[in-house]
Amino acid sequence: MFKNIRLRFVVDDYRRWRTAVVNVDKQATYEAKNNPEKGATEFYQMLFRNIMQGRYTGAFAKHTKDYKKWKAGVTSKGYWRLQDHVLQYLNAFKVSHPNRGGRRVYAWMGGIPNGIKVTSWSWYGKKYNQVKELAVYAKYVEYGTSQMPARPVFGWTTESYWRAGFLTRKLSQSRKKIKDKWA
């Protein structure tokens, strides 16, 4: 049935084709490896800007008179900025967890990594002996407690990040870079 099929093999065409395939493969691997980190970095930088600029604070519940007076004596910084531990430790970081098969799956996040401990401060400017995880403190401020209203900035920044189309833009840039490697 296939007796009469002949193939002509042009070495120069094969080299060009193989080089293009190898380049596309390298670029696709690079984009898959580095895009998650780039996205997490963009997110944490956006979060940092939002905190520094006091974005979303118009919707926050006002401080109580006593707390406002105490905070004015400690710092003139706005919401989310008492000792600036949150800003100091904002970062892009790698996280992992086991998938259903037991293998570790890795991803990138922007925010505050677990495990960073900070000392609590009293209203009188003294350090408590109580040490808390910074991520837990941030959760209290983000979602509020029974004694403190929520002052969300992480959730609203996440929404802004998605609405701004960062992910779509990153994917389009990656697609273009991979396509350019074919040429």
N, C-alpha and C. Protein backbone atom coordinates (compact mmCIF):
# COMPACT_ATOMS: atom_id res chain seq x y z
N MET A 1 0.81 -1.20 0.00
CA MET A 1 0.00 0.00 0.00
C MET A 1 0.85 1.27 0.00
N PHE A 2 1.95 1.30 0.79
CA PHE A 2 2.79 2.49 0.86
C PHE A 2 4.07 2.35 0.05
N LYS A 3 4.14 1.48 -0.87
CA LYS A 3 5.36 1.24 -1.61
C LYS A 3 5.83 2.45 -2.40
N ASN A 4 4.93 3.25 -2.88
CA ASN A 4 5.30 4.32 -3.79
C ASN A 4 5.52 5.68 -3.13
N ILE A 5 5.59 5.74 -1.82
CA ILE A 5 5.79 7.01 -1.14
C ILE A 5 7.28 7.28 -1.01
N ARG A 6 7.68 8.50 -1.41
CA ARG A 6 9.08 8.90 -1.29
C ARG A 6 9.15 10.18 -0.47
N LEU A 7 10.14 10.27 0.37
CA LEU A 7 10.37 11.47 1.16
C LEU A 7 11.70 12.08 0.75
N ARG A 8 11.66 13.40 0.59
CA ARG A 8 12.91 14.11 0.33
C ARG A 8 13.28 14.83 1.61
N PHE A 9 14.48 14.67 1.98
CA PHE A 9 14.95 15.23 3.23
C PHE A 9 15.99 16.29 2.93
N VAL A 10 15.64 17.57 3.24
CA VAL A 10 16.57 18.67 3.02
C VAL A 10 17.15 19.03 4.38
N VAL A 11 18.44 18.86 4.52
CA VAL A 11 19.12 19.02 5.80
C VAL A 11 18.97 20.44 6.35
N ASP A 12 19.10 21.46 5.51
CA ASP A 12 18.98 22.85 5.99
C ASP A 12 17.58 23.15 6.52
N ASP A 13 16.54 22.64 5.84
CA ASP A 13 15.17 22.83 6.33
C ASP A 13 14.97 22.14 7.67
N TYR A 14 15.52 20.93 7.79
CA TYR A 14 15.40 20.19 9.04
C TYR A 14 16.07 20.96 10.18
N ARG A 15 17.25 21.51 9.94
CA ARG A 15 17.95 22.28 10.98
C ARG A 15 17.13 23.49 11.43
N ARG A 16 16.59 24.21 10.46
CA ARG A 16 15.77 25.40 10.81
C ARG A 16 14.54 24.99 11.61
N TRP A 17 13.89 23.93 11.16
CA TRP A 17 12.69 23.45 11.85
C TRP A 17 13.03 22.99 13.26
N ARG A 18 14.10 22.21 13.41
CA ARG A 18 14.50 21.71 14.72
C ARG A 18 14.90 22.85 15.65
N THR A 19 15.63 23.82 15.15
CA THR A 19 16.04 24.99 15.96
C THR A 19 14.80 25.74 16.44
N ALA A 20 13.85 25.93 15.55
CA ALA A 20 12.62 26.64 15.93
C ALA A 20 11.86 25.87 17.01
N VAL A 21 11.74 24.56 16.85
CA VAL A 21 11.03 23.74 17.85
C VAL A 21 11.75 23.80 19.19
N VAL A 22 13.06 23.71 19.20
CA VAL A 22 13.83 23.77 20.44
C VAL A 22 13.66 25.14 21.11
N ASN A 23 13.72 26.21 20.31
CA ASN A 23 13.55 27.56 20.86
C ASN A 23 12.16 27.77 21.44
N VAL A 24 11.14 27.28 20.75
CA VAL A 24 9.77 27.38 21.25
C VAL A 24 9.64 26.62 22.56
N ASP A 25 10.21 25.43 22.61
CA ASP A 25 10.15 24.62 23.83
C ASP A 25 10.85 25.33 25.00
N LYS A 26 12.01 25.89 24.76
CA LYS A 26 12.75 26.60 25.81
C LYS A 26 11.96 27.81 26.31
N GLN A 27 11.39 28.58 25.38
CA GLN A 27 10.64 29.77 25.78
C GLN A 27 9.37 29.39 26.54
N ALA A 28 8.69 28.35 26.09
CA ALA A 28 7.47 27.91 26.78
C ALA A 28 7.80 27.44 28.20
N THR A 29 8.90 26.71 28.34
CA THR A 29 9.33 26.24 29.67
C THR A 29 9.67 27.43 30.56
N TYR A 30 10.39 28.40 30.01
CA TYR A 30 10.76 29.61 30.77
C TYR A 30 9.52 30.36 31.24
N GLU A 31 8.57 30.56 30.33
CA GLU A 31 7.35 31.30 30.67
C GLU A 31 6.55 30.56 31.74
N ALA A 32 6.43 29.24 31.60
CA ALA A 32 5.67 28.46 32.58
C ALA A 32 6.33 28.51 33.96
N LYS A 33 7.65 28.55 33.98
CA LYS A 33 8.37 28.56 35.24
C LYS A 33 8.34 29.94 35.90
N ASN A 34 8.45 31.01 35.12
CA ASN A 34 8.64 32.34 35.69
C ASN A 34 7.39 33.20 35.79
N ASN A 35 6.35 32.92 35.02
CA ASN A 35 5.14 33.75 35.09
C ASN A 35 4.46 33.75 36.45
N PRO A 36 4.36 32.61 37.13
CA PRO A 36 3.74 32.65 38.45
C PRO A 36 4.48 33.57 39.43
N GLU A 37 5.80 33.53 39.40
CA GLU A 37 6.59 34.41 40.28
C GLU A 37 6.39 35.88 39.89
N LYS A 38 6.39 36.16 38.60
CA LYS A 38 6.19 37.54 38.14
C LYS A 38 4.82 38.06 38.56
N GLY A 39 3.79 37.22 38.44
CA GLY A 39 2.44 37.61 38.85
C GLY A 39 2.36 37.89 40.34
N ALA A 40 2.99 37.03 41.15
CA ALA A 40 2.99 37.24 42.60
C ALA A 40 3.74 38.51 42.97
N THR A 41 4.83 38.78 42.26
CA THR A 41 5.60 40.00 42.52
C THR A 41 4.79 41.24 42.16
N GLU A 42 4.13 41.22 41.01
CA GLU A 42 3.27 42.35 40.63
C GLU A 42 2.17 42.58 41.66
N PHE A 43 1.58 41.47 42.16
CA PHE A 43 0.51 41.59 43.14
C PHE A 43 1.00 42.22 44.44
N TYR A 44 2.13 41.73 44.96
CA TYR A 44 2.58 42.28 46.24
C TYR A 44 3.02 43.73 46.10
N GLN A 45 3.56 44.09 44.92
CA GLN A 45 3.93 45.50 44.70
C GLN A 45 2.67 46.37 44.63
N MET A 46 1.61 45.87 44.02
CA MET A 46 0.34 46.60 43.98
C MET A 46 -0.23 46.75 45.39
N LEU A 47 -0.14 45.70 46.18
CA LEU A 47 -0.60 45.72 47.56
C LEU A 47 0.19 46.75 48.38
N PHE A 48 1.49 46.76 48.21
CA PHE A 48 2.36 47.72 48.89
C PHE A 48 1.94 49.15 48.55
N ARG A 49 1.75 49.41 47.25
CA ARG A 49 1.31 50.76 46.81
C ARG A 49 -0.03 51.14 47.42
N ASN A 50 -0.97 50.19 47.43
CA ASN A 50 -2.29 50.48 47.98
C ASN A 50 -2.23 50.83 49.46
N ILE A 51 -1.38 50.14 50.22
CA ILE A 51 -1.24 50.46 51.64
C ILE A 51 -0.56 51.82 51.81
N MET A 52 0.51 52.06 51.06
CA MET A 52 1.24 53.32 51.18
C MET A 52 0.37 54.52 50.80
N GLN A 53 -0.46 54.37 49.78
CA GLN A 53 -1.30 55.47 49.31
C GLN A 53 -2.60 55.57 50.08
N GLY A 54 -2.86 54.63 50.97
CA GLY A 54 -4.10 54.67 51.75
C GLY A 54 -5.32 54.39 50.91
N ARG A 55 -5.14 53.60 49.87
CA ARG A 55 -6.26 53.26 49.00
C ARG A 55 -7.28 52.43 49.77
N TYR A 56 -8.53 52.62 49.52
CA TYR A 56 -9.66 51.93 50.14
C TYR A 56 -9.96 52.41 51.56
N THR A 57 -9.14 53.29 52.13
CA THR A 57 -9.36 53.68 53.52
C THR A 57 -10.63 54.49 53.71
N GLY A 58 -11.17 55.07 52.67
CA GLY A 58 -12.41 55.83 52.78
C GLY A 58 -13.58 54.97 53.24
N ALA A 59 -13.49 53.68 52.97
CA ALA A 59 -14.57 52.76 53.35
C ALA A 59 -14.35 52.16 54.74
N PHE A 60 -13.19 52.42 55.33
CA PHE A 60 -12.90 51.84 56.64
C PHE A 60 -13.67 52.54 57.74
N ALA A 61 -14.00 51.77 58.77
CA ALA A 61 -14.60 52.37 59.97
C ALA A 61 -13.53 53.23 60.63
N LYS A 62 -13.95 54.34 61.19
CA LYS A 62 -13.02 55.26 61.84
C LYS A 62 -12.46 54.63 63.11
N HIS A 63 -11.25 55.08 63.48
CA HIS A 63 -10.67 54.64 64.75
C HIS A 63 -11.48 55.23 65.90
N THR A 64 -11.49 54.52 67.02
CA THR A 64 -12.13 55.09 68.22
C THR A 64 -11.29 56.28 68.68
N LYS A 65 -11.89 57.17 69.46
CA LYS A 65 -11.17 58.36 69.92
C LYS A 65 -9.92 57.98 70.71
N ASP A 66 -10.06 57.02 71.62
CA ASP A 66 -8.92 56.61 72.44
C ASP A 66 -7.79 56.04 71.59
N TYR A 67 -8.15 55.16 70.65
CA TYR A 67 -7.12 54.55 69.82
C TYR A 67 -6.48 55.60 68.92
N LYS A 68 -7.28 56.49 68.38
CA LYS A 68 -6.76 57.55 67.51
C LYS A 68 -5.75 58.41 68.27
N LYS A 69 -6.09 58.75 69.51
CA LYS A 69 -5.20 59.57 70.34
C LYS A 69 -3.91 58.80 70.62
N TRP A 70 -4.04 57.52 70.98
CA TRP A 70 -2.86 56.72 71.26
C TRP A 70 -1.98 56.58 70.02
N LYS A 71 -2.60 56.28 68.87
CA LYS A 71 -1.83 56.07 67.65
C LYS A 71 -1.14 57.36 67.22
N ALA A 72 -1.77 58.51 67.41
CA ALA A 72 -1.16 59.79 67.05
C ALA A 72 0.12 60.01 67.85
N GLY A 73 0.17 59.50 69.08
CA GLY A 73 1.38 59.62 69.89
C GLY A 73 2.48 58.67 69.46
N VAL A 74 2.12 57.61 68.76
CA VAL A 74 3.09 56.60 68.34
C VAL A 74 3.55 56.85 66.91
N THR A 75 2.61 57.17 66.01
CA THR A 75 2.95 57.33 64.60
C THR A 75 1.90 58.20 63.91
N SER A 76 2.31 58.83 62.83
CA SER A 76 1.35 59.61 62.03
C SER A 76 0.92 58.83 60.79
N LYS A 77 1.30 57.57 60.72
CA LYS A 77 0.99 56.75 59.55
C LYS A 77 -0.48 56.35 59.56
N GLY A 78 -0.98 56.00 58.39
CA GLY A 78 -2.40 55.66 58.24
C GLY A 78 -2.72 54.24 58.64
N TYR A 79 -3.88 53.78 58.18
CA TYR A 79 -4.33 52.41 58.43
C TYR A 79 -3.28 51.42 57.94
N TRP A 80 -3.21 50.30 58.57
CA TRP A 80 -2.31 49.21 58.25
C TRP A 80 -0.85 49.56 58.54
N ARG A 81 -0.59 50.71 59.17
CA ARG A 81 0.80 51.12 59.34
C ARG A 81 1.06 51.59 60.77
N LEU A 82 1.24 50.65 61.67
CA LEU A 82 1.61 51.01 63.02
C LEU A 82 3.13 50.89 63.16
N GLN A 83 3.64 49.71 63.13
CA GLN A 83 5.09 49.50 63.19
C GLN A 83 5.68 49.16 61.81
N ASP A 84 4.85 49.13 60.80
CA ASP A 84 5.23 48.81 59.42
C ASP A 84 5.78 47.39 59.24
N HIS A 85 5.44 46.49 60.15
CA HIS A 85 5.84 45.10 59.97
C HIS A 85 5.21 44.51 58.71
N VAL A 86 3.96 44.87 58.45
CA VAL A 86 3.27 44.33 57.28
C VAL A 86 4.03 44.73 56.00
N LEU A 87 4.36 45.99 55.88
CA LEU A 87 5.07 46.46 54.69
C LEU A 87 6.47 45.85 54.60
N GLN A 88 7.10 45.70 55.74
CA GLN A 88 8.45 45.16 55.78
C GLN A 88 8.50 43.73 55.25
N TYR A 89 7.47 42.95 55.52
CA TYR A 89 7.51 41.53 55.16
C TYR A 89 6.64 41.18 53.96
N LEU A 90 5.98 42.14 53.32
CA LEU A 90 5.26 41.83 52.08
C LEU A 90 6.26 41.31 51.06
N ASN A 91 5.88 40.27 50.37
CA ASN A 91 6.82 39.66 49.44
C ASN A 91 6.10 38.70 48.52
N ALA A 92 6.81 38.27 47.49
CA ALA A 92 6.35 37.15 46.66
C ALA A 92 7.09 35.92 47.18
N PHE A 93 6.36 34.85 47.42
CA PHE A 93 7.00 33.67 48.00
C PHE A 93 6.37 32.41 47.43
N LYS A 94 7.17 31.34 47.48
CA LYS A 94 6.75 30.05 46.96
C LYS A 94 6.06 29.26 48.06
N VAL A 95 4.95 28.63 47.73
CA VAL A 95 4.24 27.78 48.68
C VAL A 95 4.08 26.40 48.06
N SER A 96 3.92 25.42 48.91
CA SER A 96 3.72 24.06 48.39
C SER A 96 2.71 23.33 49.25
N HIS A 97 2.07 22.37 48.66
CA HIS A 97 1.15 21.49 49.38
C HIS A 97 1.05 20.19 48.59
N PRO A 98 0.69 19.10 49.27
CA PRO A 98 0.58 17.83 48.54
C PRO A 98 -0.71 17.78 47.72
N ASN A 99 -0.62 17.24 46.54
CA ASN A 99 -1.84 17.04 45.75
C ASN A 99 -2.45 15.70 46.12
N ARG A 100 -3.49 15.29 45.44
CA ARG A 100 -4.19 14.04 45.79
C ARG A 100 -3.30 12.82 45.67
N GLY A 101 -2.34 12.87 44.77
CA GLY A 101 -1.44 11.74 44.59
C GLY A 101 -0.28 11.73 45.57
N GLY A 102 -0.19 12.76 46.42
CA GLY A 102 0.87 12.82 47.40
C GLY A 102 2.10 13.60 46.96
N ARG A 103 2.15 13.96 45.66
CA ARG A 103 3.26 14.78 45.18
C ARG A 103 3.11 16.21 45.65
N ARG A 104 4.21 16.91 45.82
CA ARG A 104 4.18 18.31 46.22
C ARG A 104 3.87 19.17 45.00
N VAL A 105 2.97 20.12 45.17
CA VAL A 105 2.61 21.06 44.12
C VAL A 105 3.07 22.43 44.59
N TYR A 106 3.74 23.16 43.72
CA TYR A 106 4.29 24.46 44.08
C TYR A 106 3.54 25.57 43.36
N ALA A 107 3.41 26.69 44.04
CA ALA A 107 2.76 27.87 43.46
C ALA A 107 3.42 29.11 44.07
N TRP A 108 3.12 30.26 43.52
CA TRP A 108 3.64 31.52 44.04
C TRP A 108 2.51 32.37 44.57
N MET A 109 2.77 33.08 45.64
CA MET A 109 1.79 33.99 46.24
C MET A 109 2.46 35.33 46.51
N GLY A 110 1.64 36.36 46.56
CA GLY A 110 2.11 37.66 47.00
C GLY A 110 1.40 37.99 48.30
N GLY A 111 2.12 38.43 49.30
CA GLY A 111 1.50 38.75 50.58
C GLY A 111 2.49 38.59 51.71
N ILE A 112 2.01 38.04 52.83
CA ILE A 112 2.85 37.84 54.01
C ILE A 112 3.00 36.34 54.25
N PRO A 113 4.23 35.85 54.21
CA PRO A 113 4.43 34.41 54.44
C PRO A 113 4.10 34.02 55.89
N ASN A 114 3.65 32.80 56.07
CA ASN A 114 3.43 32.28 57.42
C ASN A 114 4.76 32.13 58.14
N GLY A 115 4.71 32.21 59.46
CA GLY A 115 5.90 31.94 60.27
C GLY A 115 6.66 33.16 60.73
N ILE A 116 6.32 34.34 60.24
CA ILE A 116 7.02 35.55 60.68
C ILE A 116 6.37 36.02 61.97
N LYS A 117 7.16 36.12 63.02
CA LYS A 117 6.64 36.47 64.34
C LYS A 117 6.98 37.92 64.67
N VAL A 118 6.03 38.62 65.29
CA VAL A 118 6.26 40.00 65.74
C VAL A 118 5.77 40.13 67.17
N THR A 119 6.32 41.10 67.88
CA THR A 119 5.93 41.35 69.26
C THR A 119 4.76 42.32 69.27
N SER A 120 3.78 42.05 70.09
CA SER A 120 2.61 42.93 70.22
C SER A 120 2.98 44.19 71.01
N TRP A 121 2.27 45.27 70.73
CA TRP A 121 2.48 46.54 71.42
C TRP A 121 1.24 46.89 72.23
N SER A 122 1.45 47.45 73.39
CA SER A 122 0.32 47.86 74.21
C SER A 122 -0.06 49.30 73.86
N TRP A 123 -1.19 49.74 74.35
CA TRP A 123 -1.62 51.11 74.13
C TRP A 123 -0.71 52.11 74.83
N TYR A 124 0.12 51.62 75.70
CA TYR A 124 0.99 52.50 76.47
C TYR A 124 2.40 52.52 75.92
N GLY A 125 2.58 51.99 74.72
CA GLY A 125 3.87 52.05 74.05
C GLY A 125 4.86 51.00 74.52
N LYS A 126 4.43 50.08 75.35
CA LYS A 126 5.32 49.03 75.83
C LYS A 126 5.08 47.76 75.02
N LYS A 127 6.15 47.00 74.86
CA LYS A 127 6.01 45.73 74.17
C LYS A 127 5.39 44.71 75.11
N TYR A 128 4.42 43.97 74.59
CA TYR A 128 3.91 42.82 75.33
C TYR A 128 4.92 41.69 75.20
N ASN A 129 4.86 40.76 76.09
CA ASN A 129 5.69 39.56 75.94
C ASN A 129 5.05 38.59 74.95
N GLN A 130 3.85 38.94 74.51
CA GLN A 130 3.11 38.07 73.60
C GLN A 130 3.63 38.25 72.17
N VAL A 131 3.99 37.15 71.54
CA VAL A 131 4.49 37.18 70.17
C VAL A 131 3.40 36.57 69.30
N LYS A 132 3.10 37.24 68.18
CA LYS A 132 2.06 36.75 67.27
C LYS A 132 2.65 36.59 65.87
N GLU A 133 2.02 35.70 65.13
CA GLU A 133 2.40 35.60 63.73
C GLU A 133 1.85 36.80 62.98
N LEU A 134 2.68 37.37 62.13
CA LEU A 134 2.26 38.56 61.39
C LEU A 134 1.09 38.25 60.46
N ALA A 135 1.07 37.07 59.87
CA ALA A 135 -0.04 36.70 58.98
C ALA A 135 -1.36 36.65 59.75
N VAL A 136 -1.30 36.22 61.01
CA VAL A 136 -2.51 36.18 61.83
C VAL A 136 -2.97 37.60 62.14
N TYR A 137 -2.03 38.46 62.48
CA TYR A 137 -2.36 39.87 62.73
C TYR A 137 -3.01 40.49 61.49
N ALA A 138 -2.42 40.24 60.33
CA ALA A 138 -2.98 40.78 59.08
C ALA A 138 -4.39 40.26 58.84
N LYS A 139 -4.62 39.00 59.17
CA LYS A 139 -5.96 38.42 59.03
C LYS A 139 -6.95 39.14 59.93
N TYR A 140 -6.54 39.45 61.18
CA TYR A 140 -7.42 40.18 62.09
C TYR A 140 -7.79 41.55 61.52
N VAL A 141 -6.80 42.24 60.97
CA VAL A 141 -7.08 43.57 60.43
C VAL A 141 -7.93 43.46 59.16
N GLU A 142 -7.65 42.48 58.33
CA GLU A 142 -8.39 42.31 57.07
C GLU A 142 -9.86 41.98 57.31
N TYR A 143 -10.11 41.05 58.22
CA TYR A 143 -11.47 40.56 58.43
C TYR A 143 -12.13 41.11 59.69
N GLY A 144 -11.37 41.76 60.54
CA GLY A 144 -11.92 42.31 61.77
C GLY A 144 -12.03 41.27 62.87
N THR A 145 -12.33 41.76 64.05
CA THR A 145 -12.55 40.90 65.21
C THR A 145 -13.82 41.39 65.90
N SER A 146 -14.14 40.79 67.02
CA SER A 146 -15.32 41.25 67.75
C SER A 146 -15.13 42.67 68.30
N GLN A 147 -13.87 43.09 68.46
CA GLN A 147 -13.60 44.41 69.01
C GLN A 147 -13.05 45.40 67.99
N MET A 148 -12.79 44.93 66.78
CA MET A 148 -12.19 45.80 65.78
C MET A 148 -12.87 45.58 64.42
N PRO A 149 -13.34 46.64 63.78
CA PRO A 149 -13.96 46.46 62.47
C PRO A 149 -12.92 46.07 61.40
N ALA A 150 -13.40 45.40 60.38
CA ALA A 150 -12.51 44.98 59.29
C ALA A 150 -12.01 46.19 58.51
N ARG A 151 -10.77 46.10 58.10
CA ARG A 151 -10.17 47.12 57.24
C ARG A 151 -9.48 46.39 56.08
N PRO A 152 -10.29 45.86 55.15
CA PRO A 152 -9.73 45.00 54.11
C PRO A 152 -8.90 45.77 53.08
N VAL A 153 -7.75 45.24 52.77
CA VAL A 153 -6.95 45.76 51.68
C VAL A 153 -6.45 44.62 50.79
N PHE A 154 -6.22 43.43 51.36
CA PHE A 154 -5.77 42.30 50.56
C PHE A 154 -6.85 41.86 49.57
N GLY A 155 -8.08 41.70 50.08
CA GLY A 155 -9.17 41.25 49.22
C GLY A 155 -9.48 42.23 48.11
N TRP A 156 -9.51 43.51 48.44
CA TRP A 156 -9.83 44.52 47.43
C TRP A 156 -8.69 44.67 46.43
N THR A 157 -7.47 44.51 46.89
CA THR A 157 -6.34 44.55 45.96
C THR A 157 -6.39 43.35 45.02
N THR A 158 -6.78 42.19 45.54
CA THR A 158 -6.91 41.00 44.69
C THR A 158 -7.96 41.24 43.60
N GLU A 159 -9.08 41.81 43.99
CA GLU A 159 -10.12 42.14 43.01
C GLU A 159 -9.61 43.11 41.96
N SER A 160 -8.92 44.15 42.40
CA SER A 160 -8.35 45.13 41.46
C SER A 160 -7.35 44.48 40.52
N TYR A 161 -6.55 43.59 41.06
CA TYR A 161 -5.54 42.90 40.27
C TYR A 161 -6.20 42.12 39.13
N TRP A 162 -7.27 41.39 39.46
CA TRP A 162 -7.97 40.61 38.43
C TRP A 162 -8.67 41.51 37.44
N ARG A 163 -9.34 42.57 37.93
CA ARG A 163 -10.05 43.47 37.03
C ARG A 163 -9.11 44.22 36.10
N ALA A 164 -7.90 44.50 36.56
CA ALA A 164 -6.93 45.24 35.74
C ALA A 164 -6.38 44.38 34.60
N GLY A 165 -6.64 43.08 34.64
CA GLY A 165 -6.24 42.20 33.55
C GLY A 165 -4.77 41.83 33.54
N PHE A 166 -4.12 41.84 34.70
CA PHE A 166 -2.70 41.50 34.75
C PHE A 166 -2.46 40.10 34.20
N LEU A 167 -3.30 39.15 34.57
CA LEU A 167 -3.10 37.78 34.14
C LEU A 167 -3.27 37.66 32.62
N THR A 168 -4.30 38.28 32.08
CA THR A 168 -4.53 38.25 30.63
C THR A 168 -3.36 38.87 29.89
N ARG A 169 -2.87 39.98 30.41
CA ARG A 169 -1.73 40.66 29.78
C ARG A 169 -0.49 39.78 29.81
N LYS A 170 -0.23 39.15 30.96
CA LYS A 170 0.93 38.26 31.08
C LYS A 170 0.84 37.09 30.08
N LEU A 171 -0.36 36.50 29.98
CA LEU A 171 -0.52 35.38 29.05
C LEU A 171 -0.34 35.82 27.60
N SER A 172 -0.84 37.00 27.26
CA SER A 172 -0.65 37.52 25.91
C SER A 172 0.82 37.77 25.61
N GLN A 173 1.54 38.34 26.58
CA GLN A 173 2.97 38.57 26.40
C GLN A 173 3.72 37.25 26.21
N SER A 174 3.36 36.26 27.01
CA SER A 174 4.01 34.95 26.90
C SER A 174 3.73 34.32 25.55
N ARG A 175 2.47 34.39 25.13
CA ARG A 175 2.09 33.81 23.83
C ARG A 175 2.89 34.47 22.70
N LYS A 176 3.05 35.79 22.77
CA LYS A 176 3.82 36.51 21.73
C LYS A 176 5.29 36.10 21.76
N LYS A 177 5.88 35.99 22.95
CA LYS A 177 7.28 35.59 23.05
C LYS A 177 7.50 34.19 22.50
N ILE A 178 6.57 33.28 22.78
CA ILE A 178 6.69 31.91 22.28
C ILE A 178 6.53 31.89 20.75
N LYS A 179 5.57 32.65 20.26
CA LYS A 179 5.33 32.73 18.81
C LYS A 179 6.56 33.32 18.09
N ASP A 180 7.16 34.34 18.71
CA ASP A 180 8.35 34.96 18.10
C ASP A 180 9.52 34.00 18.00
N LYS A 181 9.59 33.02 18.89
CA LYS A 181 10.67 32.04 18.84
C LYS A 181 10.54 31.10 17.64
N TRP A 182 9.34 30.99 17.10
CA TRP A 182 9.12 30.12 15.95
C TRP A 182 9.74 30.70 14.69
N ALA A 183 9.80 32.01 14.63
CA ALA A 183 10.31 32.68 13.42
C ALA A 183 11.78 32.42 13.18
